[in-house]
C-alpha atoms as a PDB file:
ATOM      1  CA  MET A   1      64.457  82.190 -31.746  1.00  0.00           C
ATOM      2  CA  SER A   2      64.140  85.388 -33.753  1.00  0.00           C
ATOM      3  CA  LYS A   3      62.851  85.407 -37.287  1.00  0.00           C
ATOM      4  CA  GLU A   4      66.315  86.394 -38.517  1.00  0.00           C
ATOM      5  CA  GLN A   5      67.959  83.539 -36.614  1.00  0.00           C
ATOM      6  CA  GLY A   6      65.323  81.060 -37.797  1.00  0.00           C
ATOM      7  CA  SER A   7      65.978  81.970 -41.412  1.00  0.00           C
ATOM      8  CA  MET A   8      69.750  81.475 -41.154  1.00  0.00           C
ATOM      9  CA  LYS A   9      71.118  78.216 -42.533  1.00  0.00           C
ATOM     10  CA  ASP A  10      74.516  76.604 -42.552  1.00  0.00           C
ATOM     11  CA  TYR A  11      73.561  74.864 -45.771  1.00  0.00           C
ATOM     12  CA  GLU A  12      71.795  75.733 -48.993  1.00  0.00           C
ATOM     13  CA  ASP A  13      69.185  73.618 -50.740  1.00  0.00           C
ATOM     14  CA  PRO A  14      69.641  73.523 -54.504  1.00  0.00           C
ATOM     15  CA  PRO A  15      66.738  75.110 -56.374  1.00  0.00           C
ATOM     16  CA  PRO A  16      64.124  72.694 -57.744  1.00  0.00           C
ATOM     17  CA  ALA A  17      64.930  71.432 -61.211  1.00  0.00           C
ATOM     18  CA  ALA A  18      62.757  72.785 -63.992  1.00  0.00           C
ATOM     19  CA  LEU A  19      60.227  70.309 -65.372  1.00  0.00           C
ATOM     20  CA  VAL A  20      61.699  70.859 -68.838  1.00  0.00           C
ATOM     21  CA  ASP A  21      65.017  72.639 -69.133  1.00  0.00           C
ATOM     22  CA  GLY A  22      65.817  73.313 -72.764  1.00  0.00           C
ATOM     23  CA  LYS A  23      69.230  74.718 -71.905  1.00  0.00           C
ATOM     24  CA  GLU A  24      70.618  71.401 -70.677  1.00  0.00           C
ATOM     25  CA  LEU A  25      69.798  69.730 -74.005  1.00  0.00           C
ATOM     26  CA  VAL A  26      72.602  71.642 -75.718  1.00  0.00           C
ATOM     27  CA  LEU A  27      75.218  70.919 -73.054  1.00  0.00           C
ATOM     28  CA  TRP A  28      77.808  68.184 -73.460  1.00  0.00           C
ATOM     29  CA  SER A  29      77.543  67.462 -69.720  1.00  0.00           C
ATOM     30  CA  PHE A  30      73.951  66.300 -70.278  1.00  0.00           C
ATOM     31  CA  TYR A  31      74.955  63.705 -72.861  1.00  0.00           C
ATOM     32  CA  ARG A  32      78.070  62.760 -70.923  1.00  0.00           C
ATOM     33  CA  ALA A  33      75.829  61.967 -67.954  1.00  0.00           C
ATOM     34  CA  ILE A  34      73.587  59.780 -70.115  1.00  0.00           C
ATOM     35  CA  ILE A  35      76.620  57.867 -71.410  1.00  0.00           C
ATOM     36  CA  ALA A  36      77.848  57.448 -67.835  1.00  0.00           C
ATOM     37  CA  GLU A  37      74.496  55.967 -66.787  1.00  0.00           C
ATOM     38  CA  PHE A  38      74.556  53.580 -69.751  1.00  0.00           C
ATOM     39  CA  VAL A  39      78.078  52.334 -69.080  1.00  0.00           C
ATOM     40  CA  ALA A  40      77.590  52.093 -65.303  1.00  0.00           C
ATOM     41  CA  THR A  41      74.409  50.036 -65.684  1.00  0.00           C
ATOM     42  CA  LEU A  42      76.105  47.818 -68.266  1.00  0.00           C
ATOM     43  CA  LEU A  43      78.972  47.099 -65.874  1.00  0.00           C
ATOM     44  CA  PHE A  44      76.588  46.609 -62.972  1.00  0.00           C
ATOM     45  CA  LEU A  45      74.540  43.978 -64.802  1.00  0.00           C
ATOM     46  CA  TYR A  46      77.573  42.255 -66.268  1.00  0.00           C
ATOM     47  CA  ILE A  47      79.309  41.730 -62.930  1.00  0.00           C
ATOM     48  CA  CYS A  48      76.179  40.944 -60.921  1.00  0.00           C
ATOM     49  CA  VAL A  49      74.501  38.553 -63.359  1.00  0.00           C
ATOM     50  CA  ALA A  50      77.837  36.798 -63.900  1.00  0.00           C
ATOM     51  CA  THR A  51      78.052  36.391 -60.118  1.00  0.00           C
ATOM     52  CA  VAL A  52      74.530  34.948 -59.989  1.00  0.00           C
ATOM     53  CA  ILE A  53      75.378  32.472 -62.743  1.00  0.00           C
ATOM     54  CA  GLY A  54      78.611  31.493 -61.027  1.00  0.00           C
ATOM     55  CA  ALA A  55      76.807  30.990 -57.718  1.00  0.00           C
ATOM     56  CA  VAL A  56      74.160  28.750 -59.298  1.00  0.00           C
ATOM     57  CA  HIS A  57      76.705  26.723 -61.259  1.00  0.00           C
ATOM     58  CA  ALA A  58      79.017  26.264 -58.265  1.00  0.00           C
ATOM     59  CA  ALA A  59      76.270  25.621 -55.716  1.00  0.00           C
ATOM     60  CA  SER A  60      77.389  22.036 -55.261  1.00  0.00           C
ATOM     61  CA  CYS A  61      81.009  22.952 -54.538  1.00  0.00           C
ATOM     62  CA  GLY A  62      80.786  25.913 -52.189  1.00  0.00           C
ATOM     63  CA  GLY A  63      80.110  28.865 -54.470  1.00  0.00           C
ATOM     64  CA  VAL A  64      79.580  32.405 -53.247  1.00  0.00           C
ATOM     65  CA  GLY A  65      75.946  31.723 -52.355  1.00  0.00           C
ATOM     66  CA  LEU A  66      73.317  34.250 -51.305  1.00  0.00           C
ATOM     67  CA  LEU A  67      75.777  36.245 -49.226  1.00  0.00           C
ATOM     68  CA  GLY A  68      78.220  36.564 -52.103  1.00  0.00           C
ATOM     69  CA  ILE A  69      75.505  37.606 -54.536  1.00  0.00           C
ATOM     70  CA  SER A  70      74.346  40.276 -52.088  1.00  0.00           C
ATOM     71  CA  TRP A  71      77.909  41.550 -51.721  1.00  0.00           C
ATOM     72  CA  ALA A  72      78.314  41.661 -55.496  1.00  0.00           C
ATOM     73  CA  PHE A  73      75.235  43.838 -55.968  1.00  0.00           C
ATOM     74  CA  GLY A  74      75.957  46.104 -53.006  1.00  0.00           C
ATOM     75  CA  GLY A  75      79.662  46.361 -53.777  1.00  0.00           C
ATOM     76  CA  MET A  76      79.124  47.215 -57.426  1.00  0.00           C
ATOM     77  CA  ILE A  77      76.628  49.914 -56.528  1.00  0.00           C
ATOM     78  CA  PHE A  78      79.150  51.385 -54.085  1.00  0.00           C
ATOM     79  CA  VAL A  79      81.901  51.382 -56.716  1.00  0.00           C
ATOM     80  CA  LEU A  80      79.777  52.693 -59.584  1.00  0.00           C
ATOM     81  CA  VAL A  81      78.003  55.385 -57.572  1.00  0.00           C
ATOM     82  CA  TYR A  82      81.397  56.550 -56.342  1.00  0.00           C
ATOM     83  CA  CYS A  83      82.705  56.676 -59.927  1.00  0.00           C
ATOM     84  CA  THR A  84      79.712  58.384 -61.555  1.00  0.00           C
ATOM     85  CA  ALA A  85      78.227  60.568 -58.798  1.00  0.00           C
ATOM     86  CA  GLY A  86      80.100  63.632 -60.008  1.00  0.00           C
ATOM     87  CA  ILE A  87      79.058  63.073 -63.617  1.00  0.00           C
ATOM     88  CA  SER A  88      75.465  61.866 -63.629  1.00  0.00           C
ATOM     89  CA  GLY A  89      74.568  61.633 -59.963  1.00  0.00           C
ATOM     90  CA  GLY A  90      75.166  57.884 -60.025  1.00  0.00           C
ATOM     91  CA  HIS A  91      71.548  56.752 -60.335  1.00  0.00           C
ATOM     92  CA  ILE A  92      72.080  53.402 -62.164  1.00  0.00           C
ATOM     93  CA  ASN A  93      68.438  52.578 -61.418  1.00  0.00           C
ATOM     94  CA  PRO A  94      65.178  53.894 -62.969  1.00  0.00           C
ATOM     95  CA  ALA A  95      63.522  53.803 -59.534  1.00  0.00           C
ATOM     96  CA  VAL A  96      66.186  56.124 -58.097  1.00  0.00           C
ATOM     97  CA  THR A  97      65.828  58.421 -61.097  1.00  0.00           C
ATOM     98  CA  PHE A  98      62.032  58.404 -60.710  1.00  0.00           C
ATOM     99  CA  GLY A  99      62.249  59.254 -57.016  1.00  0.00           C
ATOM    100  CA  LEU A 100      64.658  62.119 -57.653  1.00  0.00           C
ATOM    101  CA  PHE A 101      62.424  63.381 -60.457  1.00  0.00           C
ATOM    102  CA  LEU A 102      59.416  63.445 -58.116  1.00  0.00           C
ATOM    103  CA  ALA A 103      61.515  65.424 -55.632  1.00  0.00           C
ATOM    104  CA  ARG A 104      62.417  67.924 -58.385  1.00  0.00           C
ATOM    105  CA  LYS A 105      66.091  66.970 -58.326  1.00  0.00           C
ATOM    106  CA  VAL A 106      66.228  66.226 -62.067  1.00  0.00           C
ATOM    107  CA  SER A 107      64.238  67.475 -65.059  1.00  0.00           C
ATOM    108  CA  LEU A 108      61.800  65.341 -67.056  1.00  0.00           C
ATOM    109  CA  PRO A 109      64.054  65.055 -70.161  1.00  0.00           C
ATOM    110  CA  ARG A 110      67.022  64.033 -68.001  1.00  0.00           C
ATOM    111  CA  ALA A 111      64.955  61.479 -66.090  1.00  0.00           C
ATOM    112  CA  PHE A 112      63.576  59.998 -69.327  1.00  0.00           C
ATOM    113  CA  CYS A 113      66.989  59.790 -70.982  1.00  0.00           C
ATOM    114  CA  TYR A 114      68.544  58.275 -67.855  1.00  0.00           C
ATOM    115  CA  ILE A 115      65.899  55.547 -67.695  1.00  0.00           C
ATOM    116  CA  VAL A 116      66.319  54.714 -71.385  1.00  0.00           C
ATOM    117  CA  ALA A 117      70.120  54.625 -71.009  1.00  0.00           C
ATOM    118  CA  GLN A 118      69.864  52.443 -67.905  1.00  0.00           C
ATOM    119  CA  CYS A 119      67.575  49.930 -69.641  1.00  0.00           C
ATOM    120  CA  LEU A 120      69.807  49.783 -72.723  1.00  0.00           C
ATOM    121  CA  GLY A 121      72.889  49.399 -70.547  1.00  0.00           C
ATOM    122  CA  ALA A 122      71.240  46.560 -68.629  1.00  0.00           C
ATOM    123  CA  ILE A 123      70.357  44.744 -71.864  1.00  0.00           C
ATOM    124  CA  CYS A 124      73.920  45.085 -73.142  1.00  0.00           C
ATOM    125  CA  GLY A 125      75.429  44.001 -69.818  1.00  0.00           C
ATOM    126  CA  VAL A 126      73.334  40.829 -69.627  1.00  0.00           C
ATOM    127  CA  GLY A 127      73.965  40.258 -73.342  1.00  0.00           C
ATOM    128  CA  LEU A 128      77.696  40.183 -72.684  1.00  0.00           C
ATOM    129  CA  VAL A 129      77.242  37.605 -69.951  1.00  0.00           C
ATOM    130  CA  LYS A 130      75.170  35.414 -72.269  1.00  0.00           C
ATOM    131  CA  SER A 131      77.699  35.701 -75.094  1.00  0.00           C
ATOM    132  CA  PHE A 132      80.615  34.753 -72.839  1.00  0.00           C
ATOM    133  CA  GLN A 133      78.902  32.037 -70.774  1.00  0.00           C
ATOM    134  CA  HIS A 134      76.053  30.846 -72.964  1.00  0.00           C
ATOM    135  CA  SER A 135      75.546  27.340 -71.590  1.00  0.00           C
ATOM    136  CA  TYR A 136      75.882  28.329 -67.943  1.00  0.00           C
ATOM    137  CA  TYR A 137      73.664  31.341 -68.598  1.00  0.00           C
ATOM    138  CA  ILE A 138      70.800  29.193 -69.917  1.00  0.00           C
ATOM    139  CA  GLN A 139      71.197  26.586 -67.172  1.00  0.00           C
ATOM    140  CA  SER A 140      70.964  29.211 -64.432  1.00  0.00           C
ATOM    141  CA  GLY A 141      67.830  30.904 -65.765  1.00  0.00           C
ATOM    142  CA  GLY A 142      69.657  33.967 -67.026  1.00  0.00           C
ATOM    143  CA  GLY A 143      69.597  35.724 -63.673  1.00  0.00           C
ATOM    144  CA  ALA A 144      66.012  36.793 -64.396  1.00  0.00           C
ATOM    145  CA  ASN A 145      63.790  37.997 -61.547  1.00  0.00           C
ATOM    146  CA  VAL A 146      60.751  35.841 -60.765  1.00  0.00           C
ATOM    147  CA  VAL A 147      58.525  35.533 -57.721  1.00  0.00           C
ATOM    148  CA  ASN A 148      59.346  32.366 -55.815  1.00  0.00           C
ATOM    149  CA  PRO A 149      56.447  29.898 -56.182  1.00  0.00           C
ATOM    150  CA  ASN A 150      56.362  29.583 -52.381  1.00  0.00           C
ATOM    151  CA  TYR A 151      55.305  33.232 -52.112  1.00  0.00           C
ATOM    152  CA  SER A 152      52.251  35.067 -53.424  1.00  0.00           C
ATOM    153  CA  LYS A 153      52.335  37.901 -55.922  1.00  0.00           C
ATOM    154  CA  GLY A 154      51.276  40.263 -53.144  1.00  0.00           C
ATOM    155  CA  THR A 155      54.253  39.238 -51.036  1.00  0.00           C
ATOM    156  CA  GLY A 156      56.570  39.705 -54.008  1.00  0.00           C
ATOM    157  CA  LEU A 157      55.139  43.162 -54.708  1.00  0.00           C
ATOM    158  CA  ALA A 158      55.463  44.163 -51.047  1.00  0.00           C
ATOM    159  CA  ALA A 159      59.082  42.975 -50.994  1.00  0.00           C
ATOM    160  CA  GLU A 160      59.896  45.122 -54.026  1.00  0.00           C
ATOM    161  CA  ILE A 161      58.113  48.172 -52.601  1.00  0.00           C
ATOM    162  CA  ILE A 162      59.784  47.977 -49.198  1.00  0.00           C
ATOM    163  CA  GLY A 163      63.186  47.071 -50.626  1.00  0.00           C
ATOM    164  CA  THR A 164      63.142  50.018 -53.024  1.00  0.00           C
ATOM    165  CA  PHE A 165      61.882  52.311 -50.268  1.00  0.00           C
ATOM    166  CA  VAL A 166      64.951  51.398 -48.208  1.00  0.00           C
ATOM    167  CA  LEU A 167      67.265  52.088 -51.148  1.00  0.00           C
ATOM    168  CA  VAL A 168      65.748  55.397 -52.282  1.00  0.00           C
ATOM    169  CA  TYR A 169      65.321  56.623 -48.704  1.00  0.00           C
ATOM    170  CA  THR A 170      69.029  55.953 -48.193  1.00  0.00           C
ATOM    171  CA  VAL A 171      69.861  57.855 -51.401  1.00  0.00           C
ATOM    172  CA  PHE A 172      67.919  60.904 -50.214  1.00  0.00           C
ATOM    173  CA  SER A 173      69.416  60.779 -46.720  1.00  0.00           C
ATOM    174  CA  ALA A 174      72.997  60.243 -47.878  1.00  0.00           C
ATOM    175  CA  THR A 175      72.835  63.154 -50.325  1.00  0.00           C
ATOM    176  CA  ASP A 176      70.790  65.576 -48.193  1.00  0.00           C
ATOM    177  CA  PRO A 177      72.638  68.939 -48.086  1.00  0.00           C
ATOM    178  CA  LYS A 178      71.214  69.643 -44.617  1.00  0.00           C
ATOM    179  CA  ARG A 179      72.633  66.394 -43.249  1.00  0.00           C
ATOM    180  CA  ASN A 180      75.963  66.949 -44.964  1.00  0.00           C
ATOM    181  CA  ALA A 181      76.254  70.394 -43.378  1.00  0.00           C
ATOM    182  CA  ARG A 182      75.128  69.258 -39.920  1.00  0.00           C
ATOM    183  CA  ASP A 183      77.398  66.207 -39.883  1.00  0.00           C
ATOM    184  CA  SER A 184      80.321  67.805 -41.721  1.00  0.00           C
ATOM    185  CA  HIS A 185      82.624  66.689 -38.899  1.00  0.00           C
ATOM    186  CA  VAL A 186      81.756  63.071 -39.725  1.00  0.00           C
ATOM    187  CA  PRO A 187      83.219  62.022 -43.094  1.00  0.00           C
ATOM    188  CA  VAL A 188      80.307  60.079 -44.629  1.00  0.00           C
ATOM    189  CA  LEU A 189      80.908  58.801 -48.135  1.00  0.00           C
ATOM    190  CA  ALA A 190      77.453  58.768 -49.755  1.00  0.00           C
ATOM    191  CA  PRO A 191      78.051  55.696 -51.978  1.00  0.00           C
ATOM    192  CA  LEU A 192      78.902  53.596 -48.913  1.00  0.00           C
ATOM    193  CA  PRO A 193      75.476  53.637 -47.186  1.00  0.00           C
ATOM    194  CA  ILE A 194      73.792  53.307 -50.586  1.00  0.00           C
ATOM    195  CA  GLY A 195      75.827  50.196 -51.362  1.00  0.00           C
ATOM    196  CA  PHE A 196      75.090  48.759 -47.925  1.00  0.00           C
ATOM    197  CA  ALA A 197      71.369  49.403 -48.423  1.00  0.00           C
ATOM    198  CA  VAL A 198      71.465  47.364 -51.641  1.00  0.00           C
ATOM    199  CA  PHE A 199      73.418  44.627 -49.847  1.00  0.00           C
ATOM    200  CA  MET A 200      70.968  44.381 -46.954  1.00  0.00           C
ATOM    201  CA  VAL A 201      67.887  44.416 -49.177  1.00  0.00           C
ATOM    202  CA  HIS A 202      69.332  41.575 -51.264  1.00  0.00           C
ATOM    203  CA  LEU A 203      69.896  39.484 -48.148  1.00  0.00           C
ATOM    204  CA  ALA A 204      66.231  39.895 -47.223  1.00  0.00           C
ATOM    205  CA  THR A 205      64.521  39.564 -50.598  1.00  0.00           C
ATOM    206  CA  ILE A 206      66.587  37.229 -52.804  1.00  0.00           C
ATOM    207  CA  PRO A 207      64.554  34.257 -51.508  1.00  0.00           C
ATOM    208  CA  ILE A 208      61.299  36.021 -52.440  1.00  0.00           C
ATOM    209  CA  THR A 209      61.839  37.697 -55.821  1.00  0.00           C
ATOM    210  CA  GLY A 210      65.544  37.319 -56.529  1.00  0.00           C
ATOM    211  CA  THR A 211      65.605  41.027 -55.608  1.00  0.00           C
ATOM    212  CA  GLY A 212      64.725  43.473 -58.321  1.00  0.00           C
ATOM    213  CA  ILE A 213      64.494  46.957 -56.739  1.00  0.00           C
ATOM    214  CA  ASN A 214      65.887  48.108 -60.088  1.00  0.00           C
ATOM    215  CA  PRO A 215      63.555  47.925 -63.110  1.00  0.00           C
ATOM    216  CA  ALA A 216      66.496  48.130 -65.533  1.00  0.00           C
ATOM    217  CA  ARG A 217      68.125  45.107 -63.907  1.00  0.00           C
ATOM    218  CA  SER A 218      64.897  43.084 -64.173  1.00  0.00           C
ATOM    219  CA  PHE A 219      64.148  44.304 -67.697  1.00  0.00           C
ATOM    220  CA  GLY A 220      67.611  43.609 -69.089  1.00  0.00           C
ATOM    221  CA  ALA A 221      67.638  40.079 -67.695  1.00  0.00           C
ATOM    222  CA  ALA A 222      64.134  39.360 -69.018  1.00  0.00           C
ATOM    223  CA  VAL A 223      64.896  40.668 -72.506  1.00  0.00           C
ATOM    224  CA  ILE A 224      68.080  38.644 -72.954  1.00  0.00           C
ATOM    225  CA  TYR A 225      66.807  35.450 -71.302  1.00  0.00           C
ATOM    226  CA  GLY A 226      63.740  35.631 -73.544  1.00  0.00           C
ATOM    227  CA  HIS A 227      61.732  32.837 -71.921  1.00  0.00           C
ATOM    228  CA  LYS A 228      58.106  33.200 -70.905  1.00  0.00           C
ATOM    229  CA  GLN A 229      59.062  32.531 -67.305  1.00  0.00           C
ATOM    230  CA  SER A 230      61.131  35.721 -67.210  1.00  0.00           C
ATOM    231  CA  TRP A 231      58.061  37.788 -68.142  1.00  0.00           C
ATOM    232  CA  ASP A 232      55.714  36.163 -65.615  1.00  0.00           C
ATOM    233  CA  ASP A 233      54.763  38.825 -63.094  1.00  0.00           C
ATOM    234  CA  HIS A 234      57.322  41.174 -64.672  1.00  0.00           C
ATOM    235  CA  TRP A 235      55.025  44.100 -63.843  1.00  0.00           C
ATOM    236  CA  ILE A 236      55.893  43.571 -60.172  1.00  0.00           C
ATOM    237  CA  PHE A 237      59.481  44.601 -60.890  1.00  0.00           C
ATOM    238  CA  TRP A 238      58.336  47.933 -62.309  1.00  0.00           C
ATOM    239  CA  VAL A 239      55.313  48.787 -60.183  1.00  0.00           C
ATOM    240  CA  GLY A 240      56.974  47.770 -56.911  1.00  0.00           C
ATOM    241  CA  PRO A 241      60.173  49.814 -57.331  1.00  0.00           C
ATOM    242  CA  PHE A 242      58.342  52.862 -58.663  1.00  0.00           C
ATOM    243  CA  LEU A 243      55.851  52.809 -55.785  1.00  0.00           C
ATOM    244  CA  GLY A 244      58.676  52.335 -53.283  1.00  0.00           C
ATOM    245  CA  ALA A 245      60.607  55.227 -54.802  1.00  0.00           C
ATOM    246  CA  ALA A 246      57.545  57.502 -54.735  1.00  0.00           C
ATOM    247  CA  LEU A 247      56.885  56.679 -51.068  1.00  0.00           C
ATOM    248  CA  ALA A 248      60.524  57.300 -50.140  1.00  0.00           C
ATOM    249  CA  ALA A 249      60.544  60.646 -51.971  1.00  0.00           C
ATOM    250  CA  ALA A 250      57.320  61.736 -50.251  1.00  0.00           C
ATOM    251  CA  TYR A 251      58.528  60.599 -46.835  1.00  0.00           C
ATOM    252  CA  HIS A 252      61.856  62.392 -47.095  1.00  0.00           C
ATOM    253  CA  GLN A 253      60.629  65.593 -48.724  1.00  0.00           C
ATOM    254  CA  TYR A 254      57.351  66.143 -46.889  1.00  0.00           C
ATOM    255  CA  ILE A 255      57.824  64.443 -43.528  1.00  0.00           C
ATOM    256  CA  LEU A 256      61.516  64.494 -42.664  1.00  0.00           C
ATOM    257  CA  ARG A 257      62.183  67.784 -44.421  1.00  0.00           C
ATOM    258  CA  ALA A 258      58.690  69.042 -43.458  1.00  0.00           C
ATOM    259  CA  GLY A 259      58.040  70.498 -46.906  1.00  0.00           C
ATOM    260  CA  VAL A 260      54.258  70.682 -46.439  1.00  0.00           C
ATOM    261  CA  PHE A 261      54.389  72.161 -42.953  1.00  0.00           C
ATOM    262  CA  LYS A 262      57.029  74.731 -43.876  1.00  0.00           C
ATOM    263  CA  ASN A 263      54.882  75.902 -46.751  1.00  0.00           C
ATOM    264  CA  MET A 264      51.855  76.120 -44.454  1.00  0.00           C
ATOM    265  CA  GLY A 265      53.860  78.040 -41.888  1.00  0.00           C
ATOM    266  CA  SER A 266      52.305  75.902 -39.119  1.00  0.00           C
ATOM    267  CA  PHE A 267      55.435  74.235 -37.804  1.00  0.00           C
ATOM    268  CA  ARG A 268      59.082  75.035 -37.437  1.00  0.00           C
ATOM    269  CA  SER A 269      61.661  72.338 -38.033  1.00  0.00           C
ATOM    270  CA  GLN A 270      63.896  71.555 -35.073  1.00  0.00           C
ATOM    271  CA  SER A 271      67.511  70.847 -35.915  1.00  0.00           C
ATOM    272  CA  THR A 272      68.001  69.086 -32.573  1.00  0.00           C
ATOM    273  CA  ILE A 273      65.528  66.295 -33.377  1.00  0.00           C
END
């Protein structure tokens, strides 16, 4: 392959986001995106925590159960990412925002504002559930994430790391411009695999940690529930997702996309692999 042929692409990578971009701070689209993240996370927590409460309350009479809870989380992510992807990117999760920040997809101010908006949205979403279903909310433990007593803290942390890795890896793969160009003949809707990733991770990890993989989700539930139990091991639901997101970003950017090797000039990527 000639140098000219090797440099030709049928896709174009967006330039890395600036660490601090002062220009975006004066754009309405920046604040519109923050509002979209707040509202999307609010709706996500409202629907999903209400589903958890309903499943616990109806456990004795055939409620939705673990499968239904998993569908609620995965389905809501599919819907909300689809609705907000063109406005804010459809993060709805501080771990996703953190991973995209590490990959230089978003600036530091945008990442910070997204995470704040997501946490506030989660608090408001769970607050609505508590206000509408107060007695059931308290009886069900507020949908707060805790490590199951039958598992160790290490197992809970590993579950959060691996679960978030699966999610963020899927986000990178589903939105990769190279993949989109190569598989343009296959209509892949990015929110669909992302929603399915959330669904599958919930099936695997609900019995261990209740499935966090989203620090805003865990934080909002802990704040509104307000019991000591909801804060026990709460660090796991921040450290685990952030570590998982960092590993997924590194794996996708530097191994799959061969960022390090391309910069070194030692290897050439092969589109056929």
